Amino acid sequence: MGRELSAVQAMEGISGRESAHFDVASVGMVLLVIFGLVVSASLGVEALYERAARRERARKDSVITPASTASLRAQQRELLRSYEWIDEKAGIVGLPIERAMDIVAAGQGLPQKRDSK
């Protein structure tokens, strides 16, 4: 009950059995391609990481510096301590914060909007 080969298989030299030999060059080439893909992928990931790290460092470097923070706070303190016209035509004035708190604490309440008739 052996296995019989067809006429086509016999002519093409196919024995019907798997060969115990393999092409070392082909296997080596496949392994080389896989190795190249792995190396390329890892280099690509490293490049993306470095690019993201450079952007993050640049973002952190552009954050407000202590000198600019001090300047900003000085400007804000000046605004809180000074009078200014908000809308001169409407008669709206900005008061120093201390003066506004004194007015509210004295029971005079918050200023009401005037009716312009």
C-alpha atoms as a PDB file:
ATOM      1  CA  MET A   1       0.000   0.000   0.000  1.00  0.00           C
ATOM      2  CA  GLY A   2       2.694   2.388  -0.895  1.00  0.00           C
ATOM      3  CA  ARG A   3       1.891   5.749  -2.225  1.00  0.00           C
ATOM      4  CA  GLU A   4       1.987   5.893  -5.993  1.00  0.00           C
ATOM      5  CA  LEU A   5       3.270   8.984  -7.811  1.00  0.00           C
ATOM      6  CA  SER A   6       1.306  10.533 -10.610  1.00  0.00           C
ATOM      7  CA  ALA A   7       2.902  10.781 -14.027  1.00  0.00           C
ATOM      8  CA  VAL A   8       3.271  14.604 -13.651  1.00  0.00           C
ATOM      9  CA  GLN A   9       4.991  14.262 -10.277  1.00  0.00           C
ATOM     10  CA  ALA A  10       7.345  11.651 -11.643  1.00  0.00           C
ATOM     11  CA  MET A  11       8.250  13.847 -14.612  1.00  0.00           C
ATOM     12  CA  GLU A  12       8.887  16.914 -12.426  1.00  0.00           C
ATOM     13  CA  GLY A  13      10.977  14.962  -9.982  1.00  0.00           C
ATOM     14  CA  ILE A  14       8.549  15.329  -7.115  1.00  0.00           C
ATOM     15  CA  SER A  15       8.843  12.399  -4.811  1.00  0.00           C
ATOM     16  CA  GLY A  16       5.760  13.067  -2.738  1.00  0.00           C
ATOM     17  CA  ARG A  17       7.859  13.363   0.388  1.00  0.00           C
ATOM     18  CA  GLU A  18       9.188  16.409   2.136  1.00  0.00           C
ATOM     19  CA  SER A  19      12.867  16.966   1.643  1.00  0.00           C
ATOM     20  CA  ALA A  20      15.068  16.911   4.724  1.00  0.00           C
ATOM     21  CA  HIS A  21      17.315  19.506   3.124  1.00  0.00           C
ATOM     22  CA  PHE A  22      16.644  23.196   2.973  1.00  0.00           C
ATOM     23  CA  ASP A  23      18.251  26.078   1.202  1.00  0.00           C
ATOM     24  CA  VAL A  24      20.608  27.671   3.730  1.00  0.00           C
ATOM     25  CA  ALA A  25      21.083  30.777   1.583  1.00  0.00           C
ATOM     26  CA  SER A  26      17.328  31.445   1.468  1.00  0.00           C
ATOM     27  CA  VAL A  27      16.916  30.980   5.207  1.00  0.00           C
ATOM     28  CA  GLY A  28      19.942  33.211   5.823  1.00  0.00           C
ATOM     29  CA  MET A  29      18.498  35.872   3.541  1.00  0.00           C
ATOM     30  CA  VAL A  30      15.122  35.788   5.342  1.00  0.00           C
ATOM     31  CA  LEU A  31      16.866  36.080   8.718  1.00  0.00           C
ATOM     32  CA  LEU A  32      18.960  38.966   7.425  1.00  0.00           C
ATOM     33  CA  VAL A  33      15.855  40.794   6.190  1.00  0.00           C
ATOM     34  CA  ILE A  34      14.096  40.248   9.533  1.00  0.00           C
ATOM     35  CA  PHE A  35      17.172  41.517  11.397  1.00  0.00           C
ATOM     36  CA  GLY A  36      17.272  44.600   9.148  1.00  0.00           C
ATOM     37  CA  LEU A  37      13.598  45.321   9.789  1.00  0.00           C
ATOM     38  CA  VAL A  38      14.045  45.013  13.558  1.00  0.00           C
ATOM     39  CA  VAL A  39      17.076  47.334  13.516  1.00  0.00           C
ATOM     40  CA  SER A  40      15.263  49.854  11.292  1.00  0.00           C
ATOM     41  CA  ALA A  41      12.191  49.818  13.525  1.00  0.00           C
ATOM     42  CA  SER A  42      14.224  50.330  16.701  1.00  0.00           C
ATOM     43  CA  LEU A  43      16.183  53.195  15.119  1.00  0.00           C
ATOM     44  CA  GLY A  44      12.918  54.777  13.976  1.00  0.00           C
ATOM     45  CA  VAL A  45      11.402  54.529  17.441  1.00  0.00           C
ATOM     46  CA  GLU A  46      14.549  56.026  18.968  1.00  0.00           C
ATOM     47  CA  ALA A  47      14.445  58.928  16.483  1.00  0.00           C
ATOM     48  CA  LEU A  48      10.791  59.611  17.302  1.00  0.00           C
ATOM     49  CA  TYR A  49      11.569  59.538  21.023  1.00  0.00           C
ATOM     50  CA  GLU A  50      14.478  61.974  20.622  1.00  0.00           C
ATOM     51  CA  ARG A  51      12.315  64.318  18.553  1.00  0.00           C
ATOM     52  CA  ALA A  52       9.592  64.288  21.212  1.00  0.00           C
ATOM     53  CA  ALA A  53      12.182  64.834  23.963  1.00  0.00           C
ATOM     54  CA  ARG A  54      13.658  67.852  22.094  1.00  0.00           C
ATOM     55  CA  ARG A  55      10.187  69.363  21.697  1.00  0.00           C
ATOM     56  CA  GLU A  56       9.431  68.842  25.384  1.00  0.00           C
ATOM     57  CA  ARG A  57      12.749  70.452  26.410  1.00  0.00           C
ATOM     58  CA  ALA A  58      12.044  73.410  24.108  1.00  0.00           C
ATOM     59  CA  ARG A  59       8.544  73.768  25.562  1.00  0.00           C
ATOM     60  CA  LYS A  60       9.890  73.722  29.097  1.00  0.00           C
ATOM     61  CA  ASP A  61      12.604  76.242  28.216  1.00  0.00           C
ATOM     62  CA  SER A  62      10.005  78.624  26.799  1.00  0.00           C
ATOM     63  CA  VAL A  63       7.999  78.604  30.026  1.00  0.00           C
ATOM     64  CA  ILE A  64       7.944  81.850  31.948  1.00  0.00           C
ATOM     65  CA  THR A  65      11.286  82.582  33.550  1.00  0.00           C
ATOM     66  CA  PRO A  66      11.626  83.936  37.098  1.00  0.00           C
ATOM     67  CA  ALA A  67      12.523  87.387  35.745  1.00  0.00           C
ATOM     68  CA  SER A  68       9.433  87.581  33.551  1.00  0.00           C
ATOM     69  CA  THR A  69       7.311  86.255  36.413  1.00  0.00           C
ATOM     70  CA  ALA A  70       8.595  89.004  38.695  1.00  0.00           C
ATOM     71  CA  SER A  71       7.866  91.603  36.013  1.00  0.00           C
ATOM     72  CA  LEU A  72       4.348  90.233  35.473  1.00  0.00           C
ATOM     73  CA  ARG A  73       3.626  90.264  39.196  1.00  0.00           C
ATOM     74  CA  ALA A  74       4.868  93.859  39.484  1.00  0.00           C
ATOM     75  CA  GLN A  75       2.490  94.870  36.652  1.00  0.00           C
ATOM     76  CA  GLN A  76      -0.386  93.067  38.345  1.00  0.00           C
ATOM     77  CA  ARG A  77       0.362  94.743  41.704  1.00  0.00           C
ATOM     78  CA  GLU A  78       0.412  98.129  39.962  1.00  0.00           C
ATOM     79  CA  LEU A  79      -3.008  97.419  38.431  1.00  0.00           C
ATOM     80  CA  LEU A  80      -4.395  96.440  41.839  1.00  0.00           C
ATOM     81  CA  ARG A  81      -3.091  99.650  43.437  1.00  0.00           C
ATOM     82  CA  SER A  82      -4.078 102.247  40.835  1.00  0.00           C
ATOM     83  CA  TYR A  83      -7.080 104.117  39.514  1.00  0.00           C
ATOM     84  CA  GLU A  84      -7.883 103.856  35.821  1.00  0.00           C
ATOM     85  CA  TRP A  85     -10.673 104.636  33.455  1.00  0.00           C
ATOM     86  CA  ILE A  86     -12.420 101.491  32.307  1.00  0.00           C
ATOM     87  CA  ASP A  87     -14.973 103.405  30.191  1.00  0.00           C
ATOM     88  CA  GLU A  88     -14.728 107.187  30.525  1.00  0.00           C
ATOM     89  CA  LYS A  89     -17.908 107.879  28.523  1.00  0.00           C
ATOM     90  CA  ALA A  90     -19.925 105.560  30.778  1.00  0.00           C
ATOM     91  CA  GLY A  91     -18.185 106.875  33.905  1.00  0.00           C
ATOM     92  CA  ILE A  92     -16.737 103.489  34.865  1.00  0.00           C
ATOM     93  CA  VAL A  93     -13.525 103.703  36.841  1.00  0.00           C
ATOM     94  CA  GLY A  94     -11.199 101.005  38.142  1.00  0.00           C
ATOM     95  CA  LEU A  95     -10.414 101.472  41.841  1.00  0.00           C
ATOM     96  CA  PRO A  96      -7.448 100.216  43.795  1.00  0.00           C
ATOM     97  CA  ILE A  97      -8.374  96.927  45.425  1.00  0.00           C
ATOM     98  CA  GLU A  98      -7.843  98.275  48.947  1.00  0.00           C
ATOM     99  CA  ARG A  99     -10.194 101.215  48.279  1.00  0.00           C
ATOM    100  CA  ALA A 100     -12.857  98.902  46.801  1.00  0.00           C
ATOM    101  CA  MET A 101     -12.662  96.607  49.845  1.00  0.00           C
ATOM    102  CA  ASP A 102     -12.974  99.640  52.193  1.00  0.00           C
ATOM    103  CA  ILE A 103     -16.110 100.808  50.344  1.00  0.00           C
ATOM    104  CA  VAL A 104     -17.721  97.356  50.566  1.00  0.00           C
ATOM    105  CA  ALA A 105     -16.667  96.898  54.224  1.00  0.00           C
ATOM    106  CA  ALA A 106     -18.051 100.323  55.184  1.00  0.00           C
ATOM    107  CA  GLY A 107     -21.472  99.104  54.151  1.00  0.00           C
ATOM    108  CA  GLN A 108     -21.787 101.304  51.123  1.00  0.00           C
ATOM    109  CA  GLY A 109     -22.059  98.163  49.023  1.00  0.00           C
ATOM    110  CA  LEU A 110     -21.015  97.712  45.452  1.00  0.00           C
ATOM    111  CA  PRO A 111     -21.532 100.631  43.094  1.00  0.00           C
ATOM    112  CA  GLN A 112     -24.679 100.400  41.005  1.00  0.00           C
ATOM    113  CA  LYS A 113     -24.839 101.059  37.308  1.00  0.00           C
ATOM    114  CA  ARG A 114     -26.314 104.463  36.557  1.00  0.00           C
ATOM    115  CA  ASP A 115     -29.256 104.742  34.215  1.00  0.00           C
ATOM    116  CA  SER A 116     -28.365 106.921  31.260  1.00  0.00           C
ATOM    117  CA  LYS A 117     -31.570 108.629  30.091  1.00  0.00           C
END
